[in-house]
């Protein structure tokens, strides 16, 4: 995918993610430390838990899926 396209949705992006998915990634990263401390989960476990949560928004769920794919050796 071109560098000016979001790796999640293919929309216009100034980097690897569009604005919506970049904000979703920031929120995932921001809240991970709290989950890690309280629940003792790894990054991948956290992403899977976020994906499974029915209250997770679609953009966050999409970014979690993308990050899991990258973490598991996919091209993302």
PDB file of N, CA and C in Angstrom:
ATOM      1  N   UNK A   1       0.848  -1.174   0.000  1.00  0.00           N
ATOM      2  CA  UNK A   1       0.000   0.000   0.000  1.00  0.00           C
ATOM      3  C   UNK A   1       0.891   1.233   0.000  1.00  0.00           C
ATOM      4  N   UNK A   2       0.480   2.251  -0.704  1.00  0.00           N
ATOM      5  CA  UNK A   2       1.275   3.470  -0.835  1.00  0.00           C
ATOM      6  C   UNK A   2       1.468   4.144   0.520  1.00  0.00           C
ATOM      7  N   UNK A   3       2.562   4.868   0.647  1.00  0.00           N
ATOM      8  CA  UNK A   3       2.903   5.513   1.909  1.00  0.00           C
ATOM      9  C   UNK A   3       1.885   6.578   2.309  1.00  0.00           C
ATOM     10  N   UNK A   4       1.146   7.128   1.347  1.00  0.00           N
ATOM     11  CA  UNK A   4       0.166   8.163   1.652  1.00  0.00           C
ATOM     12  C   UNK A   4      -1.235   7.593   1.882  1.00  0.00           C
ATOM     13  N   UNK A   5      -1.312   6.295   2.109  1.00  0.00           N
ATOM     14  CA  UNK A   5      -2.568   5.607   2.362  1.00  0.00           C
ATOM     15  C   UNK A   5      -2.531   4.927   3.726  1.00  0.00           C
ATOM     16  N   UNK A   6      -3.652   4.969   4.408  1.00  0.00           N
ATOM     17  CA  UNK A   6      -3.773   4.323   5.715  1.00  0.00           C
ATOM     18  C   UNK A   6      -3.633   2.810   5.551  1.00  0.00           C
ATOM     19  N   UNK A   7      -2.821   2.196   6.392  1.00  0.00           N
ATOM     20  CA  UNK A   7      -2.600   0.753   6.315  1.00  0.00           C
ATOM     21  C   UNK A   7      -3.808  -0.042   6.818  1.00  0.00           C
ATOM     22  N   UNK A   8      -4.745   0.642   7.458  1.00  0.00           N
ATOM     23  CA  UNK A   8      -5.935  -0.038   7.975  1.00  0.00           C
ATOM     24  C   UNK A   8      -7.102   0.065   6.989  1.00  0.00           C
ATOM     25  N   UNK A   9      -7.379   1.283   6.525  1.00  0.00           N
ATOM     26  CA  UNK A   9      -8.571   1.481   5.694  1.00  0.00           C
ATOM     27  C   UNK A   9      -8.278   1.888   4.256  1.00  0.00           C
ATOM     28  N   UNK A  10      -7.038   2.241   3.964  1.00  0.00           N
ATOM     29  CA  UNK A  10      -6.686   2.661   2.617  1.00  0.00           C
ATOM     30  C   UNK A  10      -7.011   4.111   2.320  1.00  0.00           C
ATOM     31  N   UNK A  11      -7.530   4.823   3.310  1.00  0.00           N
ATOM     32  CA  UNK A  11      -7.851   6.235   3.131  1.00  0.00           C
ATOM     33  C   UNK A  11      -6.598   7.099   3.116  1.00  0.00           C
ATOM     34  N   UNK A  12      -6.786   8.369   2.816  1.00  0.00           N
ATOM     35  CA  UNK A  12      -5.670   9.316   2.766  1.00  0.00           C
ATOM     36  C   UNK A  12      -4.999   9.418   4.133  1.00  0.00           C
ATOM     37  N   UNK A  13      -3.676   9.440   4.116  1.00  0.00           N
ATOM     38  CA  UNK A  13      -2.905   9.529   5.360  1.00  0.00           C
ATOM     39  C   UNK A  13      -1.615  10.275   5.100  1.00  0.00           C
ATOM     40  N   UNK A  14      -1.137  10.983   6.097  1.00  0.00           N
ATOM     41  CA  UNK A  14       0.151  11.666   5.966  1.00  0.00           C
ATOM     42  C   UNK A  14       1.296  10.769   6.411  1.00  0.00           C
ATOM     43  N   UNK A  15       0.972   9.642   7.002  1.00  0.00           N
ATOM     44  CA  UNK A  15       1.956   8.660   7.447  1.00  0.00           C
ATOM     45  C   UNK A  15       1.398   7.283   7.195  1.00  0.00           C
ATOM     46  N   UNK A  16       1.569   6.411   8.148  1.00  0.00           N
ATOM     47  CA  UNK A  16       1.099   5.035   7.971  1.00  0.00           C
ATOM     48  C   UNK A  16      -0.391   4.877   8.273  1.00  0.00           C
ATOM     49  N   UNK A  17      -0.985   5.812   9.035  1.00  0.00           N
ATOM     50  CA  UNK A  17      -2.401   5.735   9.388  1.00  0.00           C
ATOM     51  C   UNK A  17      -3.117   7.055   9.112  1.00  0.00           C
ATOM     52  N   UNK A  18      -4.411   6.972   8.795  1.00  0.00           N
ATOM     53  CA  UNK A  18      -5.230   8.172   8.652  1.00  0.00           C
ATOM     54  C   UNK A  18      -5.456   8.765  10.045  1.00  0.00           C
ATOM     55  N   UNK A  19      -6.029   9.931  10.110  1.00  0.00           N
ATOM     56  CA  UNK A  19      -6.242  10.604  11.387  1.00  0.00           C
ATOM     57  C   UNK A  19      -7.063   9.798  12.384  1.00  0.00           C
ATOM     58  N   UNK A  20      -8.128   9.173  11.918  1.00  0.00           N
ATOM     59  CA  UNK A  20      -9.001   8.395  12.808  1.00  0.00           C
ATOM     60  C   UNK A  20      -8.253   7.195  13.380  1.00  0.00           C
ATOM     61  N   UNK A  21      -7.561   6.473  12.537  1.00  0.00           N
ATOM     62  CA  UNK A  21      -6.847   5.283  13.010  1.00  0.00           C
ATOM     63  C   UNK A  21      -5.593   5.648  13.798  1.00  0.00           C
ATOM     64  N   UNK A  22      -4.980   6.776  13.513  1.00  0.00           N
ATOM     65  CA  UNK A  22      -3.847   7.231  14.310  1.00  0.00           C
ATOM     66  C   UNK A  22      -4.295   7.553  15.735  1.00  0.00           C
ATOM     67  N   UNK A  23      -5.432   8.230  15.857  1.00  0.00           N
ATOM     68  CA  UNK A  23      -5.966   8.536  17.189  1.00  0.00           C
ATOM     69  C   UNK A  23      -6.339   7.247  17.926  1.00  0.00           C
ATOM     70  N   UNK A  24      -6.913   6.284  17.227  1.00  0.00           N
ATOM     71  CA  UNK A  24      -7.250   4.998  17.845  1.00  0.00           C
ATOM     72  C   UNK A  24      -5.991   4.307  18.354  1.00  0.00           C
ATOM     73  N   UNK A  25      -4.918   4.342  17.566  1.00  0.00           N
ATOM     74  CA  UNK A  25      -3.651   3.728  17.980  1.00  0.00           C
ATOM     75  C   UNK A  25      -3.094   4.431  19.216  1.00  0.00           C
ATOM     76  N   UNK A  26      -3.163   5.743  19.236  1.00  0.00           N
ATOM     77  CA  UNK A  26      -2.683   6.503  20.401  1.00  0.00           C
ATOM     78  C   UNK A  26      -3.448   6.107  21.661  1.00  0.00           C
ATOM     79  N   UNK A  27      -4.749   5.937  21.522  1.00  0.00           N
ATOM     80  CA  UNK A  27      -5.566   5.565  22.682  1.00  0.00           C
ATOM     81  C   UNK A  27      -5.229   4.159  23.161  1.00  0.00           C
ATOM     82  N   UNK A  28      -5.037   3.242  22.222  1.00  0.00           N
ATOM     83  CA  UNK A  28      -4.634   1.880  22.596  1.00  0.00           C
ATOM     84  C   UNK A  28      -3.320   1.914  23.375  1.00  0.00           C
ATOM     85  N   UNK A  29      -2.348   2.630  22.849  1.00  0.00           N
ATOM     86  CA  UNK A  29      -1.036   2.706  23.501  1.00  0.00           C
ATOM     87  C   UNK A  29      -1.132   3.378  24.858  1.00  0.00           C
ATOM     88  N   UNK A  30      -1.938   4.426  24.961  1.00  0.00           N
ATOM     89  CA  UNK A  30      -2.098   5.164  26.215  1.00  0.00           C
ATOM     90  C   UNK A  30      -2.685   4.281  27.317  1.00  0.00           C
ATOM     91  N   UNK A  31      -3.680   3.480  26.971  1.00  0.00           N
ATOM     92  CA  UNK A  31      -4.375   2.686  27.975  1.00  0.00           C
ATOM     93  C   UNK A  31      -3.723   1.339  28.256  1.00  0.00           C
ATOM     94  N   UNK A  32      -2.807   0.925  27.416  1.00  0.00           N
ATOM     95  CA  UNK A  32      -2.153  -0.377  27.620  1.00  0.00           C
ATOM     96  C   UNK A  32      -1.445  -0.466  28.962  1.00  0.00           C
ATOM     97  N   UNK A  33      -0.731   0.546  29.352  1.00  0.00           N
ATOM     98  CA  UNK A  33       0.045   0.484  30.599  1.00  0.00           C
ATOM     99  C   UNK A  33      -0.848   0.198  31.799  1.00  0.00           C
ATOM    100  N   UNK A  34      -2.030   0.799  31.827  1.00  0.00           N
ATOM    101  CA  UNK A  34      -2.966   0.560  32.932  1.00  0.00           C
ATOM    102  C   UNK A  34      -3.407  -0.902  32.926  1.00  0.00           C
ATOM    103  N   UNK A  35      -3.756  -1.430  31.758  1.00  0.00           N
ATOM    104  CA  UNK A  35      -4.171  -2.832  31.640  1.00  0.00           C
ATOM    105  C   UNK A  35      -3.021  -3.756  32.039  1.00  0.00           C
ATOM    106  N   UNK A  36      -1.814  -3.425  31.608  1.00  0.00           N
ATOM    107  CA  UNK A  36      -0.657  -4.258  31.920  1.00  0.00           C
ATOM    108  C   UNK A  36      -0.438  -4.318  33.426  1.00  0.00           C
ATOM    109  N   UNK A  37      -0.498  -3.172  34.070  1.00  0.00           N
ATOM    110  CA  UNK A  37      -0.273  -3.127  35.514  1.00  0.00           C
ATOM    111  C   UNK A  37      -1.382  -3.832  36.293  1.00  0.00           C
ATOM    112  N   UNK A  38      -2.610  -3.618  35.907  1.00  0.00           N
ATOM    113  CA  UNK A  38      -3.743  -4.156  36.659  1.00  0.00           C
ATOM    114  C   UNK A  38      -4.042  -5.614  36.357  1.00  0.00           C
ATOM    115  N   UNK A  39      -3.790  -6.026  35.102  1.00  0.00           N
ATOM    116  CA  UNK A  39      -4.190  -7.371  34.702  1.00  0.00           C
ATOM    117  C   UNK A  39      -3.016  -8.259  34.307  1.00  0.00           C
ATOM    118  N   UNK A  40      -1.821  -7.666  34.211  1.00  0.00           N
ATOM    119  CA  UNK A  40      -0.645  -8.446  33.876  1.00  0.00           C
ATOM    120  C   UNK A  40      -0.668  -9.030  32.474  1.00  0.00           C
ATOM    121  N   UNK A  41      -1.261  -8.320  31.535  1.00  0.00           N
ATOM    122  CA  UNK A  41      -1.378  -8.834  30.166  1.00  0.00           C
ATOM    123  C   UNK A  41      -0.252  -8.314  29.281  1.00  0.00           C
ATOM    124  N   UNK A  42       0.058  -9.094  28.253  1.00  0.00           N
ATOM    125  CA  UNK A  42       1.030  -8.662  27.250  1.00  0.00           C
ATOM    126  C   UNK A  42       0.320  -7.754  26.241  1.00  0.00           C
ATOM    127  N   UNK A  43       1.101  -7.134  25.371  1.00  0.00           N
ATOM    128  CA  UNK A  43       0.552  -6.270  24.321  1.00  0.00           C
ATOM    129  C   UNK A  43      -0.436  -7.052  23.441  1.00  0.00           C
ATOM    130  N   UNK A  44      -0.050  -8.245  23.026  1.00  0.00           N
ATOM    131  CA  UNK A  44      -0.921  -9.042  22.160  1.00  0.00           C
ATOM    132  C   UNK A  44      -2.185  -9.491  22.896  1.00  0.00           C
ATOM    133  N   UNK A  45      -2.052  -9.886  24.155  1.00  0.00           N
ATOM    134  CA  UNK A  45      -3.232 -10.264  24.937  1.00  0.00           C
ATOM    135  C   UNK A  45      -4.176  -9.076  25.078  1.00  0.00           C
ATOM    136  N   UNK A  46      -3.616  -7.908  25.335  1.00  0.00           N
ATOM    137  CA  UNK A  46      -4.399  -6.674  25.457  1.00  0.00           C
ATOM    138  C   UNK A  46      -5.165  -6.393  24.172  1.00  0.00           C
ATOM    139  N   UNK A  47      -4.480  -6.480  23.037  1.00  0.00           N
ATOM    140  CA  UNK A  47      -5.135  -6.216  21.757  1.00  0.00           C
ATOM    141  C   UNK A  47      -6.274  -7.200  21.507  1.00  0.00           C
ATOM    142  N   UNK A  48      -6.082  -8.450  21.870  1.00  0.00           N
ATOM    143  CA  UNK A  48      -7.137  -9.455  21.705  1.00  0.00           C
ATOM    144  C   UNK A  48      -8.321  -9.162  22.624  1.00  0.00           C
ATOM    145  N   UNK A  49      -8.038  -8.731  23.849  1.00  0.00           N
ATOM    146  CA  UNK A  49      -9.104  -8.395  24.787  1.00  0.00           C
ATOM    147  C   UNK A  49      -9.891  -7.179  24.309  1.00  0.00           C
ATOM    148  N   UNK A  50      -9.184  -6.189  23.797  1.00  0.00           N
ATOM    149  CA  UNK A  50      -9.839  -4.987  23.275  1.00  0.00           C
ATOM    150  C   UNK A  50     -10.747  -5.362  22.104  1.00  0.00           C
ATOM    151  N   UNK A  51     -10.247  -6.211  21.214  1.00  0.00           N
ATOM    152  CA  UNK A  51     -11.043  -6.652  20.067  1.00  0.00           C
ATOM    153  C   UNK A  51     -12.309  -7.384  20.507  1.00  0.00           C
ATOM    154  N   UNK A  52     -12.217  -8.187  21.544  1.00  0.00           N
ATOM    155  CA  UNK A  52     -13.343  -8.998  22.006  1.00  0.00           C
ATOM    156  C   UNK A  52     -14.371  -8.196  22.803  1.00  0.00           C
ATOM    157  N   UNK A  53     -13.999  -7.021  23.250  1.00  0.00           N
ATOM    158  CA  UNK A  53     -14.890  -6.195  24.063  1.00  0.00           C
ATOM    159  C   UNK A  53     -15.979  -5.586  23.180  1.00  0.00           C
ATOM    160  N   UNK A  54     -17.255  -5.877  23.454  1.00  0.00           N
ATOM    161  CA  UNK A  54     -18.330  -5.353  22.609  1.00  0.00           C
ATOM    162  C   UNK A  54     -18.470  -3.831  22.671  1.00  0.00           C
ATOM    163  N   UNK A  55     -17.857  -3.199  23.670  1.00  0.00           N
ATOM    164  CA  UNK A  55     -17.925  -1.749  23.801  1.00  0.00           C
ATOM    165  C   UNK A  55     -16.806  -1.026  23.059  1.00  0.00           C
ATOM    166  N   UNK A  56     -15.903  -1.780  22.459  1.00  0.00           N
ATOM    167  CA  UNK A  56     -14.802  -1.182  21.706  1.00  0.00           C
ATOM    168  C   UNK A  56     -15.329  -0.597  20.411  1.00  0.00           C
ATOM    169  N   UNK A  57     -14.914   0.625  20.113  1.00  0.00           N
ATOM    170  CA  UNK A  57     -15.325   1.266  18.871  1.00  0.00           C
ATOM    171  C   UNK A  57     -14.690   0.608  17.655  1.00  0.00           C
ATOM    172  N   UNK A  58     -15.290   0.830  16.510  1.00  0.00           N
ATOM    173  CA  UNK A  58     -14.830   0.158  15.294  1.00  0.00           C
ATOM    174  C   UNK A  58     -13.413   0.561  14.905  1.00  0.00           C
ATOM    175  N   UNK A  59     -13.061   1.839  15.032  1.00  0.00           N
ATOM    176  CA  UNK A  59     -11.711   2.272  14.648  1.00  0.00           C
ATOM    177  C   UNK A  59     -10.656   1.618  15.543  1.00  0.00           C
ATOM    178  N   UNK A  60     -10.927   1.543  16.831  1.00  0.00           N
ATOM    179  CA  UNK A  60      -9.988   0.912  17.764  1.00  0.00           C
ATOM    180  C   UNK A  60      -9.888  -0.581  17.466  1.00  0.00           C
ATOM    181  N   UNK A  61     -11.017  -1.208  17.198  1.00  0.00           N
ATOM    182  CA  UNK A  61     -11.021  -2.637  16.865  1.00  0.00           C
ATOM    183  C   UNK A  61     -10.208  -2.894  15.590  1.00  0.00           C
ATOM    184  N   UNK A  62     -10.365  -2.049  14.583  1.00  0.00           N
ATOM    185  CA  UNK A  62      -9.624  -2.194  13.326  1.00  0.00           C
ATOM    186  C   UNK A  62      -8.124  -2.029  13.536  1.00  0.00           C
ATOM    187  N   UNK A  63      -7.740  -1.055  14.346  1.00  0.00           N
ATOM    188  CA  UNK A  63      -6.315  -0.833  14.621  1.00  0.00           C
ATOM    189  C   UNK A  63      -5.756  -1.999  15.439  1.00  0.00           C
ATOM    190  N   UNK A  64      -6.517  -2.483  16.400  1.00  0.00           N
ATOM    191  CA  UNK A  64      -6.063  -3.628  17.196  1.00  0.00           C
ATOM    192  C   UNK A  64      -5.809  -4.828  16.284  1.00  0.00           C
ATOM    193  N   UNK A  65      -6.697  -5.063  15.337  1.00  0.00           N
ATOM    194  CA  UNK A  65      -6.517  -6.174  14.397  1.00  0.00           C
ATOM    195  C   UNK A  65      -5.261  -5.962  13.552  1.00  0.00           C
ATOM    196  N   UNK A  66      -5.058  -4.747  13.095  1.00  0.00           N
ATOM    197  CA  UNK A  66      -3.858  -4.425  12.299  1.00  0.00           C
ATOM    198  C   UNK A  66      -2.587  -4.642  13.118  1.00  0.00           C
ATOM    199  N   UNK A  67      -2.577  -4.148  14.346  1.00  0.00           N
ATOM    200  CA  UNK A  67      -1.396  -4.277  15.200  1.00  0.00           C
ATOM    201  C   UNK A  67      -1.120  -5.731  15.558  1.00  0.00           C
ATOM    202  N   UNK A  68      -2.164  -6.518  15.750  1.00  0.00           N
ATOM    203  CA  UNK A  68      -1.990  -7.945  16.008  1.00  0.00           C
ATOM    204  C   UNK A  68      -1.364  -8.638  14.797  1.00  0.00           C
ATOM    205  N   UNK A  69      -1.841  -8.287  13.637  1.00  0.00           N
ATOM    206  CA  UNK A  69      -1.293  -8.882  12.414  1.00  0.00           C
ATOM    207  C   UNK A  69       0.190  -8.555  12.272  1.00  0.00           C
ATOM    208  N   UNK A  70       0.543  -7.304  12.544  1.00  0.00           N
ATOM    209  CA  UNK A  70       1.952  -6.894  12.462  1.00  0.00           C
ATOM    210  C   UNK A  70       2.774  -7.624  13.530  1.00  0.00           C
ATOM    211  N   UNK A  71       2.247  -7.694  14.762  1.00  0.00           N
ATOM    212  CA  UNK A  71       2.965  -8.350  15.852  1.00  0.00           C
ATOM    213  C   UNK A  71       3.168  -9.834  15.599  1.00  0.00           C
ATOM    214  N   UNK A  72       2.241 -10.430  14.870  1.00  0.00           N
ATOM    215  CA  UNK A  72       2.329 -11.865  14.590  1.00  0.00           C
ATOM    216  C   UNK A  72       3.069 -12.159  13.290  1.00  0.00           C
ATOM    217  N   UNK A  73       3.724 -11.137  12.737  1.00  0.00           N
ATOM    218  CA  UNK A  73       4.563 -11.341  11.573  1.00  0.00           C
ATOM    219  C   UNK A  73       3.898 -11.092  10.245  1.00  0.00           C
ATOM    220  N   UNK A  74       2.689 -10.551  10.262  1.00  0.00           N
ATOM    221  CA  UNK A  74       2.019 -10.223   9.007  1.00  0.00           C
ATOM    222  C   UNK A  74       2.584  -8.951   8.403  1.00  0.00           C
ATOM    223  N   UNK A  75       2.164  -8.619   7.233  1.00  0.00           N
ATOM    224  CA  UNK A  75       2.672  -7.430   6.560  1.00  0.00           C
ATOM    225  C   UNK A  75       1.977  -6.165   7.022  1.00  0.00           C
ATOM    226  N   UNK A  76       0.754  -6.311   7.535  1.00  0.00           N
ATOM    227  CA  UNK A  76       0.014  -5.178   8.045  1.00  0.00           C
ATOM    228  C   UNK A  76      -0.241  -4.204   7.002  1.00  0.00           C
TER     229      UNK A  76
END
